[in-house]
C-alpha atoms as a PDB file:
ATOM      1  CA  MET A   1       7.615 -33.167 -33.684  1.00  0.00           C
ATOM      2  CA  THR A   2       3.867 -33.305 -35.058  1.00  0.00           C
ATOM      3  CA  PRO A   3       1.258 -31.204 -34.377  1.00  0.00           C
ATOM      4  CA  PRO A   4      -0.584 -33.609 -31.929  1.00  0.00           C
ATOM      5  CA  ARG A   5       3.071 -33.763 -29.939  1.00  0.00           C
ATOM      6  CA  HIS A   6       3.217 -30.434 -29.960  1.00  0.00           C
ATOM      7  CA  ALA A   7      -0.317 -30.008 -28.933  1.00  0.00           C
ATOM      8  CA  VAL A   8       0.327 -32.056 -25.953  1.00  0.00           C
ATOM      9  CA  LEU A   9       3.013 -30.126 -25.066  1.00  0.00           C
ATOM     10  CA  ASP A  10       1.685 -27.099 -25.203  1.00  0.00           C
ATOM     11  CA  ALA A  11      -1.212 -28.332 -22.938  1.00  0.00           C
ATOM     12  CA  LEU A  12       1.255 -29.175 -20.007  1.00  0.00           C
ATOM     13  CA  SER A  13       3.237 -26.333 -19.862  1.00  0.00           C
ATOM     14  CA  GLU A  14       0.310 -24.070 -19.687  1.00  0.00           C
ATOM     15  CA  ARG A  15       0.371 -23.584 -16.181  1.00  0.00           C
ATOM     16  CA  GLY A  16       2.352 -26.403 -14.603  1.00  0.00           C
ATOM     17  CA  GLU A  17      -0.250 -28.491 -13.543  1.00  0.00           C
ATOM     18  CA  HIS A  18      -0.436 -31.950 -12.536  1.00  0.00           C
ATOM     19  CA  LEU A  19      -2.886 -33.197 -15.440  1.00  0.00           C
ATOM     20  CA  THR A  20      -4.340 -37.014 -16.136  1.00  0.00           C
ATOM     21  CA  ALA A  21      -4.342 -38.493 -19.625  1.00  0.00           C
ATOM     22  CA  GLU A  22      -7.730 -36.713 -20.324  1.00  0.00           C
ATOM     23  CA  GLU A  23      -7.007 -33.520 -18.724  1.00  0.00           C
ATOM     24  CA  VAL A  24      -4.111 -33.358 -21.442  1.00  0.00           C
ATOM     25  CA  PHE A  25      -6.500 -34.699 -24.360  1.00  0.00           C
ATOM     26  CA  LYS A  26      -8.563 -31.773 -22.999  1.00  0.00           C
ATOM     27  CA  LYS A  27      -6.170 -28.874 -23.358  1.00  0.00           C
ATOM     28  CA  ALA A  28      -4.679 -30.498 -26.329  1.00  0.00           C
ATOM     29  CA  SER A  29      -7.931 -30.745 -28.576  1.00  0.00           C
ATOM     30  CA  ARG A  30      -8.531 -27.057 -28.477  1.00  0.00           C
ATOM     31  CA  ARG A  31      -5.049 -26.874 -30.149  1.00  0.00           C
ATOM     32  CA  CYS A  32      -5.360 -29.945 -32.596  1.00  0.00           C
ATOM     33  CA  PRO A  33      -8.951 -31.046 -32.784  1.00  0.00           C
ATOM     34  CA  ASN A  34      -8.248 -34.029 -35.074  1.00  0.00           C
ATOM     35  CA  ILE A  35      -6.193 -35.229 -32.052  1.00  0.00           C
ATOM     36  CA  GLY A  36      -7.237 -38.266 -30.563  1.00  0.00           C
ATOM     37  CA  LEU A  37      -6.825 -39.683 -26.329  1.00  0.00           C
ATOM     38  CA  ALA A  38      -4.806 -42.917 -27.877  1.00  0.00           C
ATOM     39  CA  THR A  39      -2.339 -40.738 -29.503  1.00  0.00           C
ATOM     40  CA  VAL A  40      -2.529 -38.520 -26.000  1.00  0.00           C
ATOM     41  CA  TYR A  41      -1.705 -41.462 -23.991  1.00  0.00           C
ATOM     42  CA  ARG A  42       0.696 -42.710 -26.694  1.00  0.00           C
ATOM     43  CA  THR A  43       2.331 -39.219 -26.875  1.00  0.00           C
ATOM     44  CA  LEU A  44       2.883 -38.768 -23.227  1.00  0.00           C
ATOM     45  CA  GLU A  45       4.595 -42.652 -23.315  1.00  0.00           C
ATOM     46  CA  LEU A  46       6.939 -41.580 -25.541  1.00  0.00           C
ATOM     47  CA  LEU A  47       7.617 -37.620 -23.941  1.00  0.00           C
ATOM     48  CA  THR A  48       7.879 -39.756 -20.233  1.00  0.00           C
ATOM     49  CA  GLY A  49      10.620 -42.127 -22.133  1.00  0.00           C
ATOM     50  CA  LEU A  50      12.437 -39.045 -23.794  1.00  0.00           C
ATOM     51  CA  GLY A  51      12.540 -37.355 -20.074  1.00  0.00           C
ATOM     52  CA  LEU A  52      10.599 -34.445 -21.187  1.00  0.00           C
ATOM     53  CA  VAL A  53       7.472 -35.092 -19.114  1.00  0.00           C
ATOM     54  CA  SER A  54       7.637 -36.333 -15.599  1.00  0.00           C
ATOM     55  CA  LYS A  55       5.014 -39.346 -14.793  1.00  0.00           C
ATOM     56  CA  PHE A  56       3.552 -40.225 -11.227  1.00  0.00           C
ATOM     57  CA  ASP A  57       0.687 -41.684  -9.079  1.00  0.00           C
ATOM     58  CA  THR A  58      -0.790 -39.797  -6.588  1.00  0.00           C
ATOM     59  CA  GLY A  59      -3.014 -42.876  -5.205  1.00  0.00           C
ATOM     60  CA  ASP A  60      -6.286 -42.114  -7.315  1.00  0.00           C
ATOM     61  CA  ASP A  61      -5.319 -44.794  -9.796  1.00  0.00           C
ATOM     62  CA  LYS A  62      -4.664 -42.187 -12.931  1.00  0.00           C
ATOM     63  CA  ALA A  63      -1.295 -41.282 -13.710  1.00  0.00           C
ATOM     64  CA  ARG A  64      -0.113 -37.369 -13.482  1.00  0.00           C
ATOM     65  CA  TYR A  65       1.706 -36.203 -15.786  1.00  0.00           C
ATOM     66  CA  GLU A  66       4.122 -32.762 -15.510  1.00  0.00           C
ATOM     67  CA  PHE A  67       6.267 -31.086 -17.520  1.00  0.00           C
ATOM     68  CA  ALA A  68       9.746 -31.852 -16.892  1.00  0.00           C
ATOM     69  CA  ASP A  69      12.395 -29.598 -15.735  1.00  0.00           C
ATOM     70  CA  PRO A  70      16.050 -30.641 -17.438  1.00  0.00           C
ATOM     71  CA  ALA A  71      16.999 -26.713 -16.738  1.00  0.00           C
ATOM     72  CA  GLY A  72      16.395 -27.331 -12.791  1.00  0.00           C
ATOM     73  CA  GLU A  73      14.479 -23.840 -12.508  1.00  0.00           C
ATOM     74  CA  LYS A  74      11.673 -25.625 -10.875  1.00  0.00           C
ATOM     75  CA  GLY A  75      14.175 -27.585  -9.222  1.00  0.00           C
ATOM     76  CA  HIS A  76      14.016 -31.233  -8.128  1.00  0.00           C
ATOM     77  CA  HIS A  77      10.448 -31.634  -6.127  1.00  0.00           C
ATOM     78  CA  HIS A  78       8.599 -33.923  -4.205  1.00  0.00           C
ATOM     79  CA  HIS A  79       4.875 -33.422  -4.155  1.00  0.00           C
ATOM     80  CA  LEU A  80       1.981 -33.506  -1.099  1.00  0.00           C
ATOM     81  CA  VAL A  81      -1.016 -34.795  -1.999  1.00  0.00           C
ATOM     82  CA  CYS A  82      -4.454 -34.246  -0.144  1.00  0.00           C
ATOM     83  CA  SER A  83      -6.715 -37.714   0.140  1.00  0.00           C
ATOM     84  CA  GLY A  84      -9.645 -35.173   0.416  1.00  0.00           C
ATOM     85  CA  CYS A  85      -9.675 -33.002  -2.515  1.00  0.00           C
ATOM     86  CA  GLY A  86      -6.800 -34.290  -4.534  1.00  0.00           C
ATOM     87  CA  LYS A  87      -5.007 -31.093  -4.479  1.00  0.00           C
ATOM     88  CA  ILE A  88      -1.115 -31.495  -5.343  1.00  0.00           C
ATOM     89  CA  VAL A  89       1.345 -29.004  -3.502  1.00  0.00           C
ATOM     90  CA  ASP A  90       5.072 -29.313  -5.142  1.00  0.00           C
ATOM     91  CA  TYR A  91       7.643 -29.748  -2.368  1.00  0.00           C
ATOM     92  CA  LYS A  92      10.892 -28.389  -2.688  1.00  0.00           C
ATOM     93  CA  ASP A  93      11.773 -26.507   0.084  1.00  0.00           C
ATOM     94  CA  PHE A  94      14.385 -28.926   1.783  1.00  0.00           C
ATOM     95  CA  ILE A  95      16.134 -28.409   4.525  1.00  0.00           C
ATOM     96  CA  GLY A  96      19.864 -29.738   4.922  1.00  0.00           C
ATOM     97  CA  GLU A  97      18.630 -32.306   7.616  1.00  0.00           C
ATOM     98  CA  GLU A  98      16.055 -33.750   4.569  1.00  0.00           C
ATOM     99  CA  MET A  99      18.346 -33.596   2.115  1.00  0.00           C
ATOM    100  CA  GLU A 100      20.935 -35.634   4.658  1.00  0.00           C
ATOM    101  CA  LEU A 101      18.421 -37.848   5.143  1.00  0.00           C
ATOM    102  CA  LEU A 102      17.460 -38.899   1.022  1.00  0.00           C
ATOM    103  CA  ARG A 103      21.304 -39.174   0.372  1.00  0.00           C
ATOM    104  CA  LYS A 104      21.885 -41.690   3.130  1.00  0.00           C
ATOM    105  CA  ALA A 105      18.447 -43.523   2.183  1.00  0.00           C
ATOM    106  CA  GLU A 106      19.682 -43.490  -1.394  1.00  0.00           C
ATOM    107  CA  GLN A 107      23.131 -44.454  -0.247  1.00  0.00           C
ATOM    108  CA  GLY A 108      22.190 -47.293   2.167  1.00  0.00           C
ATOM    109  CA  LEU A 109      19.802 -48.786  -1.351  1.00  0.00           C
ATOM    110  CA  SER A 110      22.287 -48.345  -3.417  1.00  0.00           C
ATOM    111  CA  LYS A 111      24.818 -50.592  -1.224  1.00  0.00           C
ATOM    112  CA  LYS A 112      22.107 -53.276  -0.185  1.00  0.00           C
ATOM    113  CA  TYR A 113      20.670 -54.126  -4.143  1.00  0.00           C
ATOM    114  CA  GLY A 114      23.831 -53.026  -6.081  1.00  0.00           C
ATOM    115  CA  PHE A 115      21.417 -50.563  -7.700  1.00  0.00           C
ATOM    116  CA  LYS A 116      22.650 -46.876  -8.846  1.00  0.00           C
ATOM    117  CA  ILE A 117      19.987 -44.849  -8.298  1.00  0.00           C
ATOM    118  CA  LYS A 118      19.308 -42.144 -11.060  1.00  0.00           C
ATOM    119  CA  SER A 119      16.021 -40.103  -9.311  1.00  0.00           C
ATOM    120  CA  HIS A 120      13.454 -40.886  -7.169  1.00  0.00           C
ATOM    121  CA  ILE A 121      10.034 -39.995  -6.958  1.00  0.00           C
ATOM    122  CA  ILE A 122       8.429 -39.060  -2.866  1.00  0.00           C
ATOM    123  CA  GLN A 123       5.149 -38.476  -2.208  1.00  0.00           C
ATOM    124  CA  PHE A 124       3.404 -37.387   0.863  1.00  0.00           C
ATOM    125  CA  PHE A 125      -0.753 -38.153   1.246  1.00  0.00           C
ATOM    126  CA  GLY A 126      -2.337 -36.445   3.692  1.00  0.00           C
ATOM    127  CA  LEU A 127      -4.922 -33.560   4.038  1.00  0.00           C
ATOM    128  CA  CYS A 128      -4.756 -29.957   3.363  1.00  0.00           C
ATOM    129  CA  PRO A 129      -6.284 -27.452   6.035  1.00  0.00           C
ATOM    130  CA  ALA A 130      -8.925 -26.942   4.060  1.00  0.00           C
ATOM    131  CA  CYS A 131     -10.235 -30.865   4.036  1.00  0.00           C
ATOM    132  CA  ARG A 132      -9.204 -30.812   7.431  1.00  0.00           C
ATOM    133  CA  ARG A 133     -11.717 -28.810   8.899  1.00  0.00           C
END
C-alpha cells in the first residue's frame, strides 16, 4: 500500500460521502501533498476493481465513489439522487415487497439473458424536500 493509495482510502472513509475523483484528490492531497489527479483516478479504478471502492454515476457526468462495505456494516443500499441540488441519500430501508420485487427481477433477467447476476445498483432521481419548495 503506497502513501498515495492510503491517502485515497482515507479520503473516502472520512465521512462516508459520495465523492467525485476531484473531491477525493482535494482531500487526499492534504495527507499526501505530492499526489497527482491522474494517480487518484488510477487508484480509484484499482480500488474499484479490488472491490474496496464502489463507483456509480448520478447523472451529472461525474462518477462518484464511496468506500465499499465488505463487512456488511452499511448494508446493501441504493441511492436517491436529487436532480436539483445533487444531494445523495443512501436508501437501505427495504420492505418485504421491495425485496421480493428485486429478487424476481434478478431471477427473470438471469433466466432471460443467461446472466449470473452478482450485484446491482439502483438509483432513483427526483427532487429532495428542499428543492421541491
